[in-house]
Amino acid sequence: MADPTPIRAAARGTTRGDHSKQSIRMAADRMLVQPSDELGERKSRAGILIPATADVHRRLVWAEVIQVGPTVRNVEAGDNVLFAPDAGFEVEIQSEEYLILRERDVHAIASERASGQTGLYL
């Protein structure tokens, strides 16, 4: 059996005090998205302010895709995706709030590119 000490030493090589820049790659079917402002407080059509903590059942929100994992097939960086707000995991990167979603959690995709498919336009 191999000694696990070198693995632990390599893992300790990057400390929290080390502020060197690291690239982030998404794994498998994960996507890094930046939610739109509608995830927080919003106004109804009548002008009533609805707080972010309000229980809004089955309301989907949009987010811009920042990066995708290697097995994501239908979404590219720069697309906007429609998803349920409770589907993802929140993460903060350089003081910016992002979500990590799985491709299966996406309900619709809005993109600039024309892929030969017909559909609705926003």
Protein backbone atom coordinates (compact mmCIF):
# COMPACT_ATOMS: atom_id res chain seq x y z
CA MET A 1 0.00 0.00 0.00
CA ALA A 2 1.36 3.42 -0.99
CA ASP A 3 2.03 6.06 1.61
CA PRO A 4 -0.71 8.79 1.40
CA THR A 5 1.60 11.44 2.88
CA PRO A 6 2.72 12.92 -0.51
CA ILE A 7 -0.92 13.47 -1.47
CA ARG A 8 -1.61 15.36 1.75
CA ALA A 9 1.57 17.41 1.35
CA ALA A 10 0.62 18.34 -2.21
CA ALA A 11 -2.87 19.33 -1.07
CA ARG A 12 -1.38 21.56 1.61
CA GLY A 13 0.82 23.26 -0.99
CA THR A 14 -1.85 25.88 -1.69
CA THR A 15 -2.76 27.71 1.47
CA ARG A 16 -5.55 30.15 2.08
CA GLY A 17 -3.01 32.95 2.33
CA ASP A 18 -1.80 32.23 -1.22
CA HIS A 19 -3.60 34.75 -3.47
CA SER A 20 -2.21 33.55 -6.78
CA LYS A 21 -4.74 33.37 -9.60
CA GLN A 22 -6.14 29.97 -10.42
CA SER A 23 -8.23 28.98 -13.40
CA ILE A 24 -11.55 27.33 -12.72
CA ARG A 25 -12.87 24.54 -14.93
CA MET A 26 -16.31 23.06 -14.49
CA ALA A 27 -16.57 19.31 -14.06
CA ALA A 28 -18.76 16.96 -16.13
CA ASP A 29 -22.28 18.35 -16.73
CA ARG A 30 -21.90 21.40 -14.47
CA MET A 31 -22.30 25.03 -15.54
CA LEU A 32 -21.19 28.23 -13.82
CA VAL A 33 -23.91 30.85 -14.24
CA GLN A 34 -24.42 34.42 -13.07
CA PRO A 35 -28.06 34.95 -12.08
CA SER A 36 -29.97 37.98 -13.28
CA ASP A 37 -31.25 40.61 -10.88
CA GLU A 38 -34.71 39.02 -10.82
CA LEU A 39 -33.40 36.38 -8.40
CA GLY A 40 -33.46 39.06 -5.69
CA GLU A 41 -36.15 41.63 -5.02
CA ARG A 42 -38.51 42.40 -7.89
CA LYS A 43 -41.63 44.42 -8.61
CA SER A 44 -44.98 43.08 -9.71
CA ARG A 45 -46.82 44.58 -12.68
CA ALA A 46 -48.84 46.67 -10.25
CA GLY A 47 -45.63 48.09 -8.73
CA ILE A 48 -45.63 46.07 -5.50
CA LEU A 49 -42.13 45.24 -4.25
CA ILE A 50 -41.73 41.48 -3.74
CA PRO A 51 -38.77 40.60 -1.47
CA ALA A 52 -36.32 37.84 -2.37
CA THR A 53 -37.46 35.87 0.69
CA ALA A 54 -41.08 35.66 -0.53
CA ASP A 55 -42.24 32.13 -1.24
CA VAL A 56 -42.91 32.21 -4.98
CA HIS A 57 -43.89 28.72 -6.04
CA ARG A 58 -42.66 27.41 -9.35
CA ARG A 59 -41.10 30.65 -10.57
CA LEU A 60 -38.15 30.17 -12.92
CA VAL A 61 -35.34 32.70 -13.35
CA TRP A 62 -32.74 33.52 -16.02
CA ALA A 63 -28.96 33.44 -15.70
CA GLU A 64 -26.05 34.02 -18.05
CA VAL A 65 -23.76 31.03 -18.59
CA ILE A 66 -20.14 31.89 -17.77
CA GLN A 67 -18.51 28.50 -18.23
CA VAL A 68 -19.59 24.92 -19.02
CA GLY A 69 -18.15 21.52 -18.23
CA PRO A 70 -16.81 19.11 -20.86
CA THR A 71 -19.94 16.94 -21.10
CA VAL A 72 -22.48 19.77 -21.43
CA ARG A 73 -24.00 19.30 -24.87
CA ASN A 74 -26.72 21.91 -25.42
CA VAL A 75 -25.45 25.03 -23.66
CA GLU A 76 -22.48 27.28 -24.42
CA ALA A 77 -20.84 30.17 -22.57
CA GLY A 78 -22.76 33.37 -23.26
CA ASP A 79 -26.18 31.67 -23.44
CA ASN A 80 -28.98 32.57 -21.04
CA VAL A 81 -30.64 29.66 -19.28
CA LEU A 82 -33.98 29.36 -17.48
CA PHE A 83 -33.93 27.32 -14.26
CA ALA A 84 -35.54 26.95 -10.83
CA PRO A 85 -33.68 29.06 -8.24
CA ASP A 86 -33.47 26.19 -5.75
CA ALA A 87 -31.76 23.90 -8.29
CA GLY A 88 -28.23 25.27 -8.03
CA PHE A 89 -25.50 25.77 -5.49
CA GLU A 90 -24.33 29.28 -4.62
CA VAL A 91 -20.64 30.11 -4.82
CA GLU A 92 -18.69 33.36 -4.41
CA ILE A 93 -15.70 33.93 -6.69
CA GLN A 94 -13.73 37.17 -6.31
CA SER A 95 -16.64 38.86 -4.51
CA GLU A 96 -19.13 37.94 -7.29
CA GLU A 97 -22.11 35.66 -6.68
CA TYR A 98 -22.52 32.70 -9.05
CA LEU A 99 -24.51 29.47 -9.18
CA ILE A 100 -23.41 26.01 -10.20
CA LEU A 101 -26.11 24.13 -12.12
CA ARG A 102 -26.38 20.77 -13.80
CA GLU A 103 -27.41 20.68 -17.43
CA ARG A 104 -30.49 18.63 -16.51
CA ASP A 105 -31.74 21.52 -14.30
CA VAL A 106 -32.04 23.86 -17.31
CA HIS A 107 -35.57 24.29 -18.68
CA ALA A 108 -34.84 26.59 -21.64
CA ILE A 109 -31.92 28.23 -23.43
CA ALA A 110 -31.79 31.66 -25.07
CA SER A 111 -28.80 32.28 -27.32
CA GLU A 112 -27.65 34.64 -30.06
CA ARG A 113 -26.45 31.87 -32.38
CA ALA A 114 -28.69 30.38 -35.06
CA SER A 115 -28.55 26.61 -34.91
CA GLY A 116 -31.07 25.90 -37.66
CA GLN A 117 -33.87 25.18 -35.22
CA THR A 118 -37.12 27.06 -35.10
CA GLY A 119 -38.42 28.35 -31.83
CA LEU A 120 -39.56 31.32 -29.83
CA TYR A 121 -37.56 34.52 -29.72
CA LEU A 122 -37.21 36.82 -26.72
